[in-house]
Amino acid sequence: MRKLIVAAIIAACAIGPISARADERPILVQQAMPAPSAGFDRNKAMAIGAGIVIGATAGSVLSLRGAIVVGAVAGGLIGAWWYGDRSEYATLEPRKE
C-alpha cells in the first residue's frame, strides 16, 4: 500500500512539468483597482462574533477533539452568511404594462 501511494505521488509530481508548456505569450492586462468598501460594519462584526461564540458553545457539547474550533468556524461562517448584504443577487425591475 505504501509503495502504491509513493508511486502515485511521484506520478502526480511528474505530470506537472510535462503538461505545463507555454504555447502563447501571456497578455498582461492592467485591472482597475477595486473600489474601497464603505468602511467597517460593526453590526456584521457582531453577527460573526455571536456566531463564533454560539458555534463554540455548541461544539463544546460534543466530546470530539477539535469540535470547539470547528463549531466556532462554522458559527462564524453562518453568522457572516446570515448578515450578508445579499449583493450577489440581481434585483429585477418591475414589469412595464
Protein backbone atom coordinates (compact mmCIF):
# COMPACT_ATOMS: atom_id res chain seq x y z
CA MET A 1 0.00 0.00 0.00
CA ARG A 2 2.83 2.35 0.88
CA LYS A 3 4.57 1.68 -2.45
CA LEU A 4 1.34 2.47 -4.32
CA ILE A 5 0.95 5.82 -2.56
CA VAL A 6 4.59 6.76 -3.19
CA ALA A 7 4.24 5.79 -6.87
CA ALA A 8 1.06 7.89 -7.17
CA ILE A 9 2.77 10.92 -5.60
CA ILE A 10 5.77 10.59 -7.92
CA ALA A 11 3.49 10.22 -10.95
CA ALA A 12 1.45 13.27 -9.92
CA CYS A 13 4.62 15.33 -9.48
CA ALA A 14 5.95 14.24 -12.88
CA ILE A 15 2.75 15.18 -14.75
CA GLY A 16 3.03 18.89 -13.89
CA PRO A 17 6.27 19.72 -15.75
CA ILE A 18 5.34 17.53 -18.71
CA SER A 19 1.92 19.10 -19.27
CA ALA A 20 2.95 22.68 -18.45
CA ARG A 21 4.27 24.39 -21.53
CA ALA A 22 3.93 27.91 -22.87
CA ASP A 23 2.26 27.87 -26.28
CA GLU A 24 1.49 31.57 -26.35
CA ARG A 25 2.96 34.51 -24.54
CA PRO A 26 0.67 35.69 -21.77
CA ILE A 27 -1.05 39.02 -22.26
CA LEU A 28 -0.74 41.34 -19.31
CA VAL A 29 -3.89 43.31 -18.60
CA GLN A 30 -3.96 46.09 -16.08
CA GLN A 31 -7.02 45.74 -13.93
CA ALA A 32 -8.77 48.66 -12.31
CA MET A 33 -8.34 49.00 -8.58
CA PRO A 34 -11.40 47.77 -6.68
CA ALA A 35 -13.50 50.48 -5.10
CA PRO A 36 -12.85 50.80 -1.38
CA SER A 37 -15.61 49.48 0.80
CA ALA A 38 -17.85 51.78 2.80
CA GLY A 39 -15.94 51.01 5.96
CA PHE A 40 -16.09 48.75 8.98
CA ASP A 41 -19.57 47.39 9.63
CA ARG A 42 -19.95 46.85 13.35
CA ASN A 43 -23.25 45.02 13.00
CA LYS A 44 -21.72 42.42 10.69
CA ALA A 45 -18.78 42.00 13.08
CA MET A 46 -21.24 41.47 15.94
CA ALA A 47 -23.15 38.87 13.90
CA ILE A 48 -19.94 37.00 13.10
CA GLY A 49 -18.75 37.22 16.71
CA ALA A 50 -22.07 35.96 18.02
CA GLY A 51 -21.91 33.08 15.53
CA ILE A 52 -18.43 32.20 16.73
CA VAL A 53 -19.50 32.18 20.39
CA ILE A 54 -22.66 30.17 19.71
CA GLY A 55 -20.78 27.72 17.48
CA ALA A 56 -18.02 27.23 20.03
CA THR A 57 -20.60 26.66 22.75
CA ALA A 58 -22.41 24.11 20.61
CA GLY A 59 -19.09 22.45 19.73
CA SER A 60 -18.11 22.14 23.38
CA VAL A 61 -21.11 19.88 23.93
CA LEU A 62 -19.54 17.30 21.62
CA SER A 63 -16.76 15.15 23.01
CA LEU A 64 -14.77 15.12 19.78
CA ARG A 65 -11.26 16.56 19.60
CA GLY A 66 -11.34 19.96 17.88
CA ALA A 67 -15.13 20.24 17.96
CA ILE A 68 -14.94 23.67 19.59
CA VAL A 69 -12.76 25.05 16.79
CA VAL A 70 -14.94 23.50 14.08
CA GLY A 71 -18.05 24.85 15.80
CA ALA A 72 -16.55 28.33 16.10
CA VAL A 73 -15.56 28.43 12.42
CA ALA A 74 -18.94 27.12 11.31
CA GLY A 75 -20.73 29.60 13.56
CA GLY A 76 -18.68 32.49 12.17
CA LEU A 77 -19.44 31.44 8.60
CA ILE A 78 -23.14 31.09 9.35
CA GLY A 79 -23.15 34.50 11.07
CA ALA A 80 -21.48 36.12 8.06
CA TRP A 81 -23.92 34.42 5.71
CA TRP A 82 -26.91 35.37 7.84
CA TYR A 83 -25.96 39.04 7.99
CA GLY A 84 -24.66 39.16 4.40
CA ASP A 85 -25.65 42.08 2.21
CA ARG A 86 -27.06 39.77 -0.50
CA SER A 87 -25.27 41.80 -3.18
CA GLU A 88 -24.81 38.70 -5.31
CA TYR A 89 -28.49 38.68 -6.22
CA ALA A 90 -29.63 40.90 -9.05
CA THR A 91 -32.78 42.88 -8.47
CA LEU A 92 -35.41 42.75 -11.17
CA GLU A 93 -37.17 45.82 -12.44
CA PRO A 94 -40.97 45.77 -12.25
CA ARG A 95 -42.82 44.85 -15.43
CA LYS A 96 -43.94 47.63 -17.67
CA GLU A 97 -47.56 47.15 -18.60
